[in-house]
N, C-alpha and C. Protein backbone atom coordinates (compact mmCIF):
# COMPACT_ATOMS: atom_id res chain seq x y z
N MET A 1 -6.86 -8.51 18.69
CA MET A 1 -7.06 -7.90 17.70
C MET A 1 -6.30 -7.90 16.08
N SER A 2 -6.79 -8.48 15.35
CA SER A 2 -6.46 -8.14 13.91
C SER A 2 -5.42 -6.68 13.79
N TRP A 3 -4.59 -7.04 12.49
CA TRP A 3 -3.88 -5.57 12.06
C TRP A 3 -4.75 -4.73 11.31
N GLU A 4 -6.23 -5.15 10.70
CA GLU A 4 -6.79 -4.45 10.31
C GLU A 4 -7.42 -3.63 10.99
N GLU A 5 -8.22 -4.45 12.24
CA GLU A 5 -8.69 -3.81 13.10
C GLU A 5 -7.63 -2.53 14.04
N GLU A 6 -6.77 -2.60 13.97
CA GLU A 6 -5.50 -2.46 14.93
C GLU A 6 -5.42 -0.73 14.08
N ILE A 7 -5.45 -1.06 12.69
CA ILE A 7 -5.37 0.32 11.91
C ILE A 7 -6.09 0.92 11.91
N ARG A 8 -7.75 0.51 11.65
CA ARG A 8 -8.99 1.11 12.02
C ARG A 8 -8.93 1.92 13.09
N ASP A 9 -8.66 1.28 14.65
CA ASP A 9 -8.57 1.70 15.83
C ASP A 9 -7.33 2.77 15.68
N ALA A 10 -6.30 2.58 14.75
CA ALA A 10 -5.85 4.20 14.87
C ALA A 10 -6.00 5.02 14.08
N LEU A 11 -6.69 4.72 13.24
CA LEU A 11 -7.62 6.07 12.43
C LEU A 11 -8.65 6.87 13.50
N ASP A 12 -9.16 5.84 13.54
CA ASP A 12 -9.98 6.42 14.74
C ASP A 12 -9.67 7.34 15.64
N ARG A 13 -8.92 7.20 16.62
CA ARG A 13 -7.99 7.90 17.36
C ARG A 13 -7.32 9.16 16.54
N VAL A 14 -6.53 8.88 15.44
CA VAL A 14 -6.36 10.30 14.46
C VAL A 14 -7.49 11.08 14.34
N ARG A 15 -8.82 10.18 13.97
CA ARG A 15 -9.72 11.28 13.62
C ARG A 15 -10.55 12.32 14.74
N THR A 16 -10.16 11.15 16.31
CA THR A 16 -10.65 12.11 17.09
C THR A 16 -9.91 12.84 17.47
N VAL A 17 -8.17 13.29 17.30
CA VAL A 17 -7.38 14.33 17.72
C VAL A 17 -7.96 15.53 16.59
N MET A 18 -7.88 15.09 15.42
CA MET A 18 -8.15 15.93 14.48
C MET A 18 -9.03 17.05 14.70
N LEU A 19 -10.61 16.44 15.27
CA LEU A 19 -11.62 16.92 15.31
C LEU A 19 -10.96 18.11 16.70
N GLN A 20 -10.69 17.56 17.75
CA GLN A 20 -10.02 17.91 18.82
C GLN A 20 -9.40 19.29 18.90
N VAL A 21 -8.58 19.38 17.54
CA VAL A 21 -7.77 20.36 17.16
C VAL A 21 -8.65 21.36 16.40
N GLY A 22 -9.84 21.04 15.99
CA GLY A 22 -10.68 21.78 15.23
C GLY A 22 -10.32 21.22 13.70
N ASP A 23 -9.43 20.58 13.18
CA ASP A 23 -9.76 20.31 11.48
C ASP A 23 -10.51 19.48 10.96
N ASN A 24 -11.77 19.83 10.94
CA ASN A 24 -12.96 18.94 10.77
C ASN A 24 -13.12 18.84 9.12
N GLU A 25 -12.04 19.83 8.21
CA GLU A 25 -12.51 19.75 7.00
C GLU A 25 -11.53 18.72 6.46
N ARG A 26 -10.55 17.96 7.05
CA ARG A 26 -9.61 17.16 6.32
C ARG A 26 -9.77 15.93 6.97
N VAL A 27 -10.82 15.84 8.19
CA VAL A 27 -10.83 14.36 8.95
C VAL A 27 -11.98 13.27 7.77
N VAL A 28 -12.80 13.85 6.75
CA VAL A 28 -13.60 13.40 6.14
C VAL A 28 -12.39 12.57 5.08
N TYR A 29 -11.42 12.98 4.84
CA TYR A 29 -10.86 12.47 3.83
C TYR A 29 -9.67 11.21 3.71
N ILE A 30 -9.63 10.83 5.16
CA ILE A 30 -9.35 9.61 5.95
C ILE A 30 -10.29 8.39 5.53
N GLN A 31 -9.95 7.79 4.48
CA GLN A 31 -10.64 6.62 3.81
C GLN A 31 -9.76 5.26 3.73
N PRO A 32 -10.16 4.80 5.25
CA PRO A 32 -9.10 3.50 4.86
C PRO A 32 -9.67 2.37 3.53
N GLU A 33 -9.02 1.81 2.98
CA GLU A 33 -8.83 0.81 1.86
C GLU A 33 -8.10 -0.39 2.09
N PHE A 34 -9.03 -1.51 2.42
CA PHE A 34 -8.37 -2.56 2.49
C PHE A 34 -8.27 -3.74 1.37
N LEU A 35 -7.35 -4.06 0.48
CA LEU A 35 -7.22 -4.96 -0.80
C LEU A 35 -6.90 -5.92 -0.17
N GLY A 36 -7.68 -7.43 0.25
CA GLY A 36 -6.93 -8.53 0.08
C GLY A 36 -6.02 -9.16 -1.04
N ALA A 37 -5.46 -10.21 -0.72
CA ALA A 37 -5.32 -11.02 -1.96
C ALA A 37 -6.20 -11.96 -2.32
N PRO A 38 -6.53 -12.47 -3.62
CA PRO A 38 -5.72 -11.60 -4.47
C PRO A 38 -6.52 -10.21 -4.47
N HIS A 39 -5.80 -9.02 -5.49
CA HIS A 39 -6.10 -7.51 -5.66
C HIS A 39 -6.23 -6.86 -6.78
N LYS A 40 -6.30 -6.70 -7.71
CA LYS A 40 -6.38 -5.36 -8.64
C LYS A 40 -5.92 -3.53 -7.62
N ALA A 41 -5.31 -3.35 -8.39
CA ALA A 41 -4.82 -2.13 -8.37
C ALA A 41 -5.72 -1.10 -7.79
N SER A 42 -5.24 -0.36 -6.69
CA SER A 42 -6.84 0.97 -6.54
C SER A 42 -6.22 1.96 -7.05
N GLN A 43 -6.66 3.22 -7.26
CA GLN A 43 -6.77 4.69 -8.01
C GLN A 43 -6.55 5.32 -6.79
N LEU A 44 -5.81 6.11 -7.03
CA LEU A 44 -5.62 7.18 -5.85
C LEU A 44 -6.41 8.20 -6.70
N PRO A 45 -7.60 8.94 -5.76
CA PRO A 45 -8.19 9.93 -6.11
C PRO A 45 -7.95 11.20 -6.64
N PRO A 46 -8.00 11.86 -7.48
CA PRO A 46 -7.34 13.43 -7.85
C PRO A 46 -7.45 14.14 -6.43
N GLY A 47 -6.26 14.61 -6.35
CA GLY A 47 -6.01 15.84 -5.27
C GLY A 47 -5.65 14.82 -4.06
N MET A 48 -5.62 13.39 -3.77
CA MET A 48 -5.70 13.16 -2.35
C MET A 48 -4.07 12.36 -2.51
N ALA A 49 -3.44 12.24 -0.95
CA ALA A 49 -2.54 11.65 -0.64
C ALA A 49 -2.79 10.17 0.06
N ALA A 50 -1.84 9.53 -0.16
CA ALA A 50 -2.08 8.22 0.45
C ALA A 50 -0.81 7.54 1.32
N VAL A 51 -0.83 6.86 2.21
CA VAL A 51 0.13 5.87 3.06
C VAL A 51 -0.56 4.32 2.39
N TYR A 52 0.77 3.91 2.16
CA TYR A 52 0.06 2.45 1.37
C TYR A 52 0.96 1.37 2.27
N CYS A 53 0.58 0.32 1.75
CA CYS A 53 1.07 -0.79 2.73
C CYS A 53 0.87 -2.16 1.89
N PHE A 54 1.91 -3.18 1.83
CA PHE A 54 2.10 -4.33 1.25
C PHE A 54 2.18 -5.23 2.01
N TRP A 55 1.46 -6.27 2.28
CA TRP A 55 1.85 -7.22 3.55
C TRP A 55 1.51 -8.58 2.83
N GLY A 56 2.66 -9.41 3.05
CA GLY A 56 3.08 -10.58 2.16
C GLY A 56 4.02 -11.36 2.79
N LEU A 57 4.01 -12.65 2.69
CA LEU A 57 5.05 -13.68 3.40
C LEU A 57 5.39 -13.52 4.37
N GLY A 58 4.60 -13.11 5.54
CA GLY A 58 4.31 -12.98 6.59
C GLY A 58 4.59 -11.71 7.57
N GLN A 59 4.75 -10.72 6.70
CA GLN A 59 5.48 -9.53 6.99
C GLN A 59 5.14 -8.48 6.17
N TRP A 60 5.49 -7.22 6.52
CA TRP A 60 4.93 -5.96 5.80
C TRP A 60 6.24 -5.53 4.90
N LEU A 61 6.01 -6.11 3.55
CA LEU A 61 7.15 -5.75 2.31
C LEU A 61 7.64 -4.14 1.96
N LYS A 62 6.10 -3.53 2.24
CA LYS A 62 7.05 -2.06 1.97
C LYS A 62 5.72 -1.26 2.27
N ILE A 63 6.22 -0.28 2.96
CA ILE A 63 5.18 0.92 3.31
C ILE A 63 5.45 2.18 3.17
N GLY A 64 5.11 2.87 2.40
CA GLY A 64 5.59 4.05 2.20
C GLY A 64 4.16 5.13 1.78
N LYS A 65 4.38 6.26 1.13
CA LYS A 65 3.37 7.52 1.09
C LYS A 65 3.68 7.80 -0.35
N VAL A 66 2.23 8.20 -0.88
CA VAL A 66 2.59 9.07 -2.31
C VAL A 66 1.26 10.15 -2.08
N GLY A 67 2.43 11.57 -2.77
CA GLY A 67 1.54 13.01 -3.09
C GLY A 67 0.68 12.90 -3.76
N PRO A 68 -0.16 13.95 -3.87
CA PRO A 68 -1.42 14.19 -4.56
C PRO A 68 -0.94 13.83 -6.25
N ASN A 69 0.24 14.08 -6.36
CA ASN A 69 0.77 14.32 -7.78
C ASN A 69 1.29 12.60 -7.91
N SER A 70 0.95 11.74 -7.60
CA SER A 70 1.89 10.39 -7.82
C SER A 70 1.04 9.32 -8.01
N GLY A 71 -0.27 9.43 -8.80
CA GLY A 71 -1.10 8.50 -9.08
C GLY A 71 -0.73 7.36 -9.51
N ALA A 72 0.22 7.68 -10.63
CA ALA A 72 0.84 6.84 -11.65
C ALA A 72 2.00 5.39 -10.51
N ARG A 73 2.70 6.44 -9.12
CA ARG A 73 3.47 5.37 -8.34
C ARG A 73 2.10 4.58 -7.59
N TYR A 74 1.18 5.34 -7.42
CA TYR A 74 0.35 4.42 -6.22
C TYR A 74 -0.39 3.30 -7.11
N THR A 75 -0.82 3.37 -8.09
CA THR A 75 -1.75 2.80 -9.13
C THR A 75 -0.87 1.71 -10.47
N SER A 76 0.17 2.06 -10.53
CA SER A 76 0.77 0.68 -11.47
C SER A 76 2.57 0.65 -11.29
N GLN A 77 3.29 1.58 -10.47
CA GLN A 77 4.47 1.49 -10.71
C GLN A 77 5.06 0.51 -9.34
N HIS A 78 4.17 0.08 -8.42
CA HIS A 78 4.45 -0.67 -7.75
C HIS A 78 4.37 -2.24 -8.26
N TYR A 79 3.82 -2.43 -8.97
CA TYR A 79 3.49 -3.93 -9.61
C TYR A 79 4.56 -4.20 -11.35
N THR A 80 5.33 -2.87 -11.48
CA THR A 80 6.17 -3.49 -12.96
C THR A 80 7.34 -3.46 -12.28
N GLY A 81 8.23 -2.81 -11.04
CA GLY A 81 9.17 -2.43 -11.22
C GLY A 81 10.46 -1.64 -11.67
N SER A 82 9.51 -0.31 -11.99
CA SER A 82 9.98 0.62 -12.72
C SER A 82 11.06 1.47 -12.40
N ALA A 83 10.79 1.21 -10.89
CA ALA A 83 11.79 2.18 -9.99
C ALA A 83 12.22 1.14 -8.99
N ARG A 84 13.53 1.79 -8.54
CA ARG A 84 14.04 0.65 -7.37
C ARG A 84 13.12 0.78 -6.07
N SER A 85 12.72 1.55 -6.22
CA SER A 85 11.90 2.26 -4.72
C SER A 85 10.56 1.46 -4.34
N THR A 86 9.88 0.87 -5.38
CA THR A 86 8.81 0.63 -5.75
C THR A 86 8.73 -1.36 -5.36
N LEU A 87 7.65 -1.73 -4.63
CA LEU A 87 7.46 -3.37 -4.11
C LEU A 87 8.46 -3.50 -5.34
N ALA A 88 7.63 -3.38 -6.16
CA ALA A 88 8.77 -5.19 -7.27
C ALA A 88 9.96 -4.54 -7.86
N GLY A 89 10.29 -3.49 -7.49
CA GLY A 89 11.93 -3.05 -7.53
C GLY A 89 12.20 -3.75 -6.13
N SER A 90 12.04 -3.50 -5.54
CA SER A 90 12.61 -4.37 -3.96
C SER A 90 12.48 -5.82 -4.11
N LEU A 91 11.22 -6.45 -4.45
CA LEU A 91 11.34 -7.71 -4.59
C LEU A 91 12.38 -8.50 -5.23
N LEU A 92 12.42 -7.65 -6.62
CA LEU A 92 13.34 -8.23 -7.65
C LEU A 92 14.83 -8.04 -6.67
N SER A 93 15.05 -7.00 -6.04
CA SER A 93 16.60 -6.95 -6.06
C SER A 93 16.39 -7.99 -4.48
N ASP A 94 16.09 -8.54 -3.88
CA ASP A 94 16.26 -9.72 -2.77
C ASP A 94 16.19 -11.13 -3.09
N PRO A 95 17.52 -11.46 -2.98
CA PRO A 95 17.84 -12.91 -3.15
C PRO A 95 16.91 -13.95 -2.91
N GLU A 96 16.07 -13.56 -1.56
CA GLU A 96 15.40 -14.47 -0.45
C GLU A 96 14.26 -14.92 -1.40
N VAL A 97 13.74 -13.81 -1.94
CA VAL A 97 12.14 -13.54 -2.45
C VAL A 97 12.40 -14.07 -3.73
N LEU A 98 13.61 -13.95 -4.31
CA LEU A 98 13.65 -14.69 -5.69
C LEU A 98 13.50 -16.50 -5.43
N GLU A 99 13.58 -16.82 -4.68
CA GLU A 99 13.28 -17.89 -4.35
C GLU A 99 12.40 -18.71 -3.85
N VAL A 100 11.36 -17.87 -3.67
CA VAL A 100 10.08 -17.94 -3.30
C VAL A 100 9.46 -18.91 -4.47
N PRO A 101 8.71 -20.10 -3.94
CA PRO A 101 8.09 -20.75 -5.14
C PRO A 101 6.71 -19.79 -5.43
N GLY A 102 6.33 -20.22 -7.10
CA GLY A 102 6.01 -19.52 -7.49
C GLY A 102 5.72 -17.95 -7.65
N PHE A 103 7.18 -17.89 -7.19
CA PHE A 103 7.74 -16.22 -7.99
C PHE A 103 8.37 -16.11 -9.08
N THR A 104 8.30 -15.67 -9.79
CA THR A 104 8.63 -15.06 -11.08
C THR A 104 9.23 -13.90 -11.46
N PRO A 105 10.38 -13.48 -11.64
CA PRO A 105 10.36 -12.23 -12.15
C PRO A 105 9.91 -10.95 -13.12
N ASP A 106 9.47 -12.10 -14.08
CA ASP A 106 9.12 -11.33 -15.57
C ASP A 106 7.59 -11.05 -15.15
N ARG A 107 7.09 -12.06 -13.68
CA ARG A 107 5.49 -11.69 -13.99
C ARG A 107 5.29 -11.18 -12.56
N VAL A 108 6.42 -10.30 -11.97
CA VAL A 108 5.87 -9.73 -10.56
C VAL A 108 5.09 -9.35 -9.99
N GLY A 109 4.16 -8.29 -10.89
CA GLY A 109 2.92 -7.52 -10.73
C GLY A 109 2.11 -8.51 -10.48
N ASP A 110 2.09 -9.54 -11.20
CA ASP A 110 0.96 -10.95 -10.98
C ASP A 110 1.31 -11.29 -9.78
N TRP A 111 2.40 -11.56 -9.36
CA TRP A 111 2.57 -12.23 -7.78
C TRP A 111 1.74 -11.30 -6.70
N ILE A 112 2.82 -9.96 -7.14
CA ILE A 112 2.15 -8.82 -5.96
C ILE A 112 0.85 -8.96 -5.91
N LYS A 113 -0.22 -8.90 -6.71
CA LYS A 113 -1.43 -8.81 -6.78
C LYS A 113 -2.43 -10.02 -6.48
N ALA A 114 -1.57 -10.81 -6.61
CA ALA A 114 -2.25 -12.68 -6.46
C ALA A 114 -1.60 -12.90 -4.74
N ASN A 115 -0.46 -12.37 -3.88
CA ASN A 115 -0.10 -12.53 -3.04
C ASN A 115 0.36 -11.66 -1.75
N THR A 116 -0.52 -10.65 -2.34
CA THR A 116 -0.32 -9.45 -0.95
C THR A 116 -1.73 -8.90 -0.83
């Protein structure tokens, strides 16, 4: 089973439990979105929260969550390095990543979109 299939399976199990406990309203809002490399940054729908995961270099590079008021974090900040807690910030502070062929710190966002 691929990691994408594992995630879809896990979400199906979460939906099942939510329905069993009577949480019929929120279960419809679980919407997986898989962006392959290369990708464009996605938009966080108004009022929604998200769990995001970046895969690259053969491993999970960043997994986190954003709340409904974190659209900028979800859409752009992970690609700019504007905060250390973003994917770009983490990559720029990792000496091993700085040695990856094709990685250039001044184009970290382009690298992320092309390789995750």
